[in-house]
Amino acid sequence: MDGGQVTVVARVEAKPGMGDRLAEEMKPLVEGSRSDSGCINYDLHRGLENPSTLVIYENWSSGQALDEHLEQPHVQEWLGKLDELADGEVEITRLEMISAPTQ
């Protein structure tokens, strides 16, 4: 990556019976992250076929902005709740756009 915009898709699977609680615990994460420096967008999604699947789609102005976001207290607090709520690790995919953006 050349230091430009970074896109992240983060997927987490809730433990059985914990989908609603995990979704609620993620809402403050979204609000806090949208205020972080370099955040372009930060959106939470829930699976239609499997409501235990939650996905965050986020764009950052740079890899540095993303790295700084990951160190923020609201992110660290949320990560600390995952042992109780999530079935496994958060699957994180970092992407860079290779097509021209729409205007």
N, C-alpha and C. Protein backbone atom coordinates (compact mmCIF):
# COMPACT_ATOMS: atom_id res chain seq x y z
N MET A 1 0.83 -1.18 0.00
CA MET A 1 0.00 0.00 0.00
C MET A 1 0.87 1.24 0.00
N ASP A 2 0.41 2.26 -0.67
CA ASP A 2 1.21 3.48 -0.82
C ASP A 2 0.86 4.56 0.19
N GLY A 3 0.13 4.22 1.24
CA GLY A 3 -0.23 5.22 2.23
C GLY A 3 -1.55 5.90 1.95
N GLY A 4 -2.25 5.49 0.90
CA GLY A 4 -3.55 6.06 0.57
C GLY A 4 -4.67 5.41 1.35
N GLN A 5 -5.88 5.61 0.89
CA GLN A 5 -7.07 5.10 1.56
C GLN A 5 -7.00 3.59 1.76
N VAL A 6 -7.47 3.15 2.92
CA VAL A 6 -7.51 1.73 3.27
C VAL A 6 -8.94 1.36 3.61
N THR A 7 -9.40 0.24 3.04
CA THR A 7 -10.71 -0.30 3.34
C THR A 7 -10.53 -1.54 4.20
N VAL A 8 -11.40 -1.70 5.18
CA VAL A 8 -11.37 -2.88 6.04
C VAL A 8 -12.76 -3.50 6.07
N VAL A 9 -12.77 -4.83 5.97
CA VAL A 9 -13.99 -5.60 6.21
C VAL A 9 -13.67 -6.50 7.40
N ALA A 10 -14.40 -6.29 8.49
CA ALA A 10 -14.20 -7.07 9.71
C ALA A 10 -15.45 -7.89 9.96
N ARG A 11 -15.29 -9.20 10.08
CA ARG A 11 -16.42 -10.12 10.26
C ARG A 11 -16.26 -10.83 11.60
N VAL A 12 -17.36 -10.88 12.36
CA VAL A 12 -17.35 -11.59 13.63
C VAL A 12 -18.64 -12.40 13.75
N GLU A 13 -18.50 -13.58 14.27
CA GLU A 13 -19.62 -14.50 14.46
C GLU A 13 -19.95 -14.54 15.96
N ALA A 14 -21.20 -14.31 16.30
CA ALA A 14 -21.62 -14.34 17.70
C ALA A 14 -21.73 -15.78 18.19
N LYS A 15 -21.48 -15.97 19.47
CA LYS A 15 -21.74 -17.26 20.09
C LYS A 15 -23.24 -17.53 20.02
N PRO A 16 -23.64 -18.80 20.08
CA PRO A 16 -25.07 -19.11 20.04
C PRO A 16 -25.85 -18.31 21.09
N GLY A 17 -26.92 -17.69 20.66
CA GLY A 17 -27.78 -16.91 21.54
C GLY A 17 -27.25 -15.53 21.89
N MET A 18 -26.11 -15.13 21.34
CA MET A 18 -25.50 -13.85 21.70
C MET A 18 -25.53 -12.82 20.57
N GLY A 19 -26.22 -13.11 19.47
CA GLY A 19 -26.24 -12.21 18.32
C GLY A 19 -26.77 -10.83 18.64
N ASP A 20 -27.90 -10.76 19.34
CA ASP A 20 -28.47 -9.46 19.67
C ASP A 20 -27.56 -8.67 20.61
N ARG A 21 -26.99 -9.36 21.58
CA ARG A 21 -26.11 -8.66 22.53
C ARG A 21 -24.84 -8.17 21.84
N LEU A 22 -24.27 -9.00 20.98
CA LEU A 22 -23.08 -8.57 20.27
C LEU A 22 -23.38 -7.35 19.41
N ALA A 23 -24.51 -7.37 18.72
CA ALA A 23 -24.90 -6.22 17.89
C ALA A 23 -25.03 -4.96 18.74
N GLU A 24 -25.64 -5.07 19.90
CA GLU A 24 -25.79 -3.91 20.79
C GLU A 24 -24.44 -3.41 21.29
N GLU A 25 -23.54 -4.33 21.60
CA GLU A 25 -22.21 -3.95 22.09
C GLU A 25 -21.38 -3.29 20.99
N MET A 26 -21.74 -3.55 19.73
CA MET A 26 -20.98 -2.97 18.62
C MET A 26 -21.44 -1.57 18.26
N LYS A 27 -22.64 -1.19 18.64
CA LYS A 27 -23.14 0.15 18.30
C LYS A 27 -22.29 1.27 18.87
N PRO A 28 -21.86 1.23 20.15
CA PRO A 28 -20.96 2.28 20.65
C PRO A 28 -19.60 2.28 19.94
N LEU A 29 -19.15 1.10 19.52
CA LEU A 29 -17.91 1.00 18.75
C LEU A 29 -18.02 1.79 17.46
N VAL A 30 -19.17 1.67 16.81
CA VAL A 30 -19.41 2.39 15.55
C VAL A 30 -19.37 3.89 15.80
N GLU A 31 -20.10 4.35 16.79
CA GLU A 31 -20.17 5.79 17.05
C GLU A 31 -18.80 6.36 17.42
N GLY A 32 -18.06 5.66 18.26
CA GLY A 32 -16.73 6.13 18.63
C GLY A 32 -15.78 6.14 17.45
N SER A 33 -15.86 5.12 16.63
CA SER A 33 -14.95 5.00 15.48
C SER A 33 -15.22 6.06 14.44
N ARG A 34 -16.47 6.42 14.25
CA ARG A 34 -16.80 7.47 13.28
C ARG A 34 -16.19 8.80 13.67
N SER A 35 -15.87 8.98 14.95
CA SER A 35 -15.25 10.22 15.43
C SER A 35 -13.73 10.19 15.35
N ASP A 36 -13.16 9.02 15.08
CA ASP A 36 -11.70 8.91 15.01
C ASP A 36 -11.14 9.65 13.81
N SER A 37 -9.98 10.23 13.99
CA SER A 37 -9.31 10.96 12.92
C SER A 37 -9.04 10.02 11.74
N GLY A 38 -9.37 10.47 10.54
CA GLY A 38 -9.11 9.68 9.34
C GLY A 38 -10.22 8.74 8.95
N CYS A 39 -11.29 8.67 9.75
CA CYS A 39 -12.42 7.79 9.41
C CYS A 39 -13.24 8.42 8.29
N ILE A 40 -13.40 7.69 7.20
CA ILE A 40 -14.24 8.13 6.09
C ILE A 40 -15.64 7.60 6.28
N ASN A 41 -15.77 6.32 6.59
CA ASN A 41 -17.05 5.73 6.97
C ASN A 41 -16.79 4.49 7.81
N TYR A 42 -17.77 4.14 8.62
CA TYR A 42 -17.66 3.00 9.52
C TYR A 42 -19.09 2.49 9.72
N ASP A 43 -19.43 1.39 9.07
CA ASP A 43 -20.81 0.92 9.03
C ASP A 43 -20.94 -0.52 9.48
N LEU A 44 -21.92 -0.78 10.33
CA LEU A 44 -22.19 -2.11 10.87
C LEU A 44 -23.31 -2.78 10.08
N HIS A 45 -23.11 -4.04 9.74
CA HIS A 45 -24.08 -4.83 8.99
C HIS A 45 -24.32 -6.15 9.72
N ARG A 46 -25.51 -6.71 9.48
CA ARG A 46 -25.87 -8.00 10.07
C ARG A 46 -26.34 -8.92 8.97
N GLY A 47 -25.96 -10.19 9.05
CA GLY A 47 -26.32 -11.16 8.02
C GLY A 47 -27.82 -11.38 7.94
N LEU A 48 -28.33 -11.40 6.72
CA LEU A 48 -29.75 -11.69 6.51
C LEU A 48 -30.03 -13.18 6.68
N GLU A 49 -29.17 -14.03 6.15
CA GLU A 49 -29.35 -15.47 6.27
C GLU A 49 -28.93 -15.98 7.65
N ASN A 50 -27.93 -15.32 8.24
CA ASN A 50 -27.42 -15.72 9.54
C ASN A 50 -27.24 -14.46 10.39
N PRO A 51 -28.22 -14.12 11.21
CA PRO A 51 -28.13 -12.89 12.02
C PRO A 51 -27.06 -12.92 13.10
N SER A 52 -26.38 -14.06 13.27
CA SER A 52 -25.26 -14.12 14.21
C SER A 52 -23.98 -13.59 13.59
N THR A 53 -24.01 -13.32 12.28
CA THR A 53 -22.85 -12.77 11.59
C THR A 53 -22.96 -11.26 11.54
N LEU A 54 -21.94 -10.57 12.05
CA LEU A 54 -21.89 -9.12 12.01
C LEU A 54 -20.64 -8.71 11.25
N VAL A 55 -20.79 -7.70 10.40
CA VAL A 55 -19.70 -7.25 9.55
C VAL A 55 -19.60 -5.74 9.65
N ILE A 56 -18.39 -5.25 9.81
CA ILE A 56 -18.12 -3.82 9.77
C ILE A 56 -17.40 -3.54 8.46
N TYR A 57 -17.92 -2.55 7.73
CA TYR A 57 -17.27 -2.07 6.50
C TYR A 57 -16.79 -0.67 6.81
N GLU A 58 -15.48 -0.45 6.67
CA GLU A 58 -14.91 0.82 7.08
C GLU A 58 -13.86 1.29 6.08
N ASN A 59 -13.75 2.59 5.95
CA ASN A 59 -12.73 3.20 5.10
C ASN A 59 -11.98 4.24 5.90
N TRP A 60 -10.66 4.25 5.71
CA TRP A 60 -9.76 5.14 6.43
C TRP A 60 -8.90 5.91 5.44
N SER A 61 -8.54 7.11 5.80
CA SER A 61 -7.76 7.95 4.91
C SER A 61 -6.36 7.40 4.66
N SER A 62 -5.86 6.58 5.58
CA SER A 62 -4.52 6.00 5.43
C SER A 62 -4.37 4.80 6.37
N GLY A 63 -3.34 4.02 6.12
CA GLY A 63 -3.02 2.92 7.03
C GLY A 63 -2.66 3.42 8.41
N GLN A 64 -2.01 4.58 8.49
CA GLN A 64 -1.66 5.16 9.79
C GLN A 64 -2.93 5.52 10.57
N ALA A 65 -3.92 6.09 9.90
CA ALA A 65 -5.18 6.42 10.58
C ALA A 65 -5.85 5.15 11.10
N LEU A 66 -5.81 4.08 10.32
CA LEU A 66 -6.37 2.81 10.77
C LEU A 66 -5.61 2.29 11.98
N ASP A 67 -4.29 2.32 11.93
CA ASP A 67 -3.50 1.84 13.06
C ASP A 67 -3.79 2.64 14.33
N GLU A 68 -3.94 3.95 14.19
CA GLU A 68 -4.26 4.80 15.35
C GLU A 68 -5.65 4.47 15.88
N HIS A 69 -6.59 4.21 15.00
CA HIS A 69 -7.95 3.81 15.39
C HIS A 69 -7.91 2.54 16.24
N LEU A 70 -7.12 1.57 15.82
CA LEU A 70 -7.07 0.28 16.52
C LEU A 70 -6.54 0.40 17.94
N GLU A 71 -5.85 1.48 18.25
CA GLU A 71 -5.31 1.71 19.59
C GLU A 71 -6.25 2.52 20.49
N GLN A 72 -7.36 3.00 19.95
CA GLN A 72 -8.27 3.84 20.71
C GLN A 72 -8.96 3.05 21.83
N PRO A 73 -9.26 3.69 22.96
CA PRO A 73 -9.89 3.00 24.09
C PRO A 73 -11.21 2.31 23.72
N HIS A 74 -12.05 2.93 22.86
CA HIS A 74 -13.33 2.30 22.53
C HIS A 74 -13.13 1.01 21.75
N VAL A 75 -12.07 0.92 20.96
CA VAL A 75 -11.77 -0.31 20.23
C VAL A 75 -11.24 -1.37 21.19
N GLN A 76 -10.31 -0.99 22.04
CA GLN A 76 -9.73 -1.92 22.99
C GLN A 76 -10.78 -2.46 23.96
N GLU A 77 -11.70 -1.59 24.38
CA GLU A 77 -12.79 -2.02 25.27
C GLU A 77 -13.65 -3.07 24.58
N TRP A 78 -14.00 -2.81 23.32
CA TRP A 78 -14.83 -3.77 22.57
C TRP A 78 -14.09 -5.10 22.38
N LEU A 79 -12.83 -5.04 22.04
CA LEU A 79 -12.05 -6.26 21.86
C LEU A 79 -12.03 -7.10 23.14
N GLY A 80 -12.05 -6.43 24.29
CA GLY A 80 -12.05 -7.13 25.56
C GLY A 80 -13.34 -7.89 25.83
N LYS A 81 -14.40 -7.59 25.14
CA LYS A 81 -15.70 -8.27 25.32
C LYS A 81 -15.86 -9.48 24.42
N LEU A 82 -14.95 -9.67 23.49
CA LEU A 82 -15.14 -10.71 22.47
C LEU A 82 -15.09 -12.12 23.01
N ASP A 83 -14.28 -12.38 24.04
CA ASP A 83 -14.23 -13.74 24.58
C ASP A 83 -15.61 -14.20 25.03
N GLU A 84 -16.39 -13.29 25.59
CA GLU A 84 -17.72 -13.61 26.08
C GLU A 84 -18.75 -13.71 24.95
N LEU A 85 -18.61 -12.88 23.91
CA LEU A 85 -19.66 -12.73 22.91
C LEU A 85 -19.41 -13.40 21.57
N ALA A 86 -18.16 -13.53 21.18
CA ALA A 86 -17.84 -13.98 19.83
C ALA A 86 -17.43 -15.44 19.80
N ASP A 87 -17.80 -16.10 18.72
CA ASP A 87 -17.42 -17.48 18.47
C ASP A 87 -16.19 -17.46 17.58
N GLY A 88 -15.02 -17.37 18.20
CA GLY A 88 -13.77 -17.29 17.44
C GLY A 88 -13.27 -15.86 17.33
N GLU A 89 -12.27 -15.71 16.50
CA GLU A 89 -11.61 -14.42 16.31
C GLU A 89 -12.36 -13.56 15.29
N VAL A 90 -12.09 -12.27 15.33
CA VAL A 90 -12.59 -11.36 14.31
C VAL A 90 -11.75 -11.59 13.05
N GLU A 91 -12.44 -11.81 11.93
CA GLU A 91 -11.75 -11.99 10.65
C GLU A 91 -11.62 -10.62 10.00
N ILE A 92 -10.39 -10.16 9.83
CA ILE A 92 -10.15 -8.82 9.30
C ILE A 92 -9.47 -8.92 7.94
N THR A 93 -10.05 -8.23 6.96
CA THR A 93 -9.48 -8.16 5.62
C THR A 93 -9.21 -6.70 5.30
N ARG A 94 -7.96 -6.38 5.00
CA ARG A 94 -7.57 -5.02 4.59
C ARG A 94 -7.51 -4.99 3.07
N LEU A 95 -8.07 -3.94 2.50
CA LEU A 95 -8.16 -3.82 1.04
C LEU A 95 -7.72 -2.45 0.58
N GLU A 96 -7.28 -2.38 -0.67
CA GLU A 96 -7.06 -1.10 -1.31
C GLU A 96 -7.88 -1.08 -2.59
N MET A 97 -8.47 0.07 -2.89
CA MET A 97 -9.29 0.20 -4.09
C MET A 97 -8.38 0.26 -5.31
N ILE A 98 -8.70 -0.54 -6.31
CA ILE A 98 -7.91 -0.50 -7.54
C ILE A 98 -8.72 0.00 -8.72
N SER A 99 -10.00 0.21 -8.52
CA SER A 99 -10.83 0.82 -9.57
C SER A 99 -10.95 2.31 -9.29
N ALA A 100 -11.36 3.05 -10.28
CA ALA A 100 -11.59 4.48 -10.09
C ALA A 100 -12.86 4.66 -9.26
N PRO A 101 -12.86 5.57 -8.28
CA PRO A 101 -14.07 5.79 -7.49
C PRO A 101 -15.18 6.43 -8.33
N THR A 102 -16.42 6.17 -7.95
CA THR A 102 -17.54 6.82 -8.62
C THR A 102 -17.60 8.26 -8.17
N GLN A 103 -18.13 9.12 -9.04
CA GLN A 103 -18.19 10.52 -8.68
C GLN A 103 -19.58 11.07 -8.72
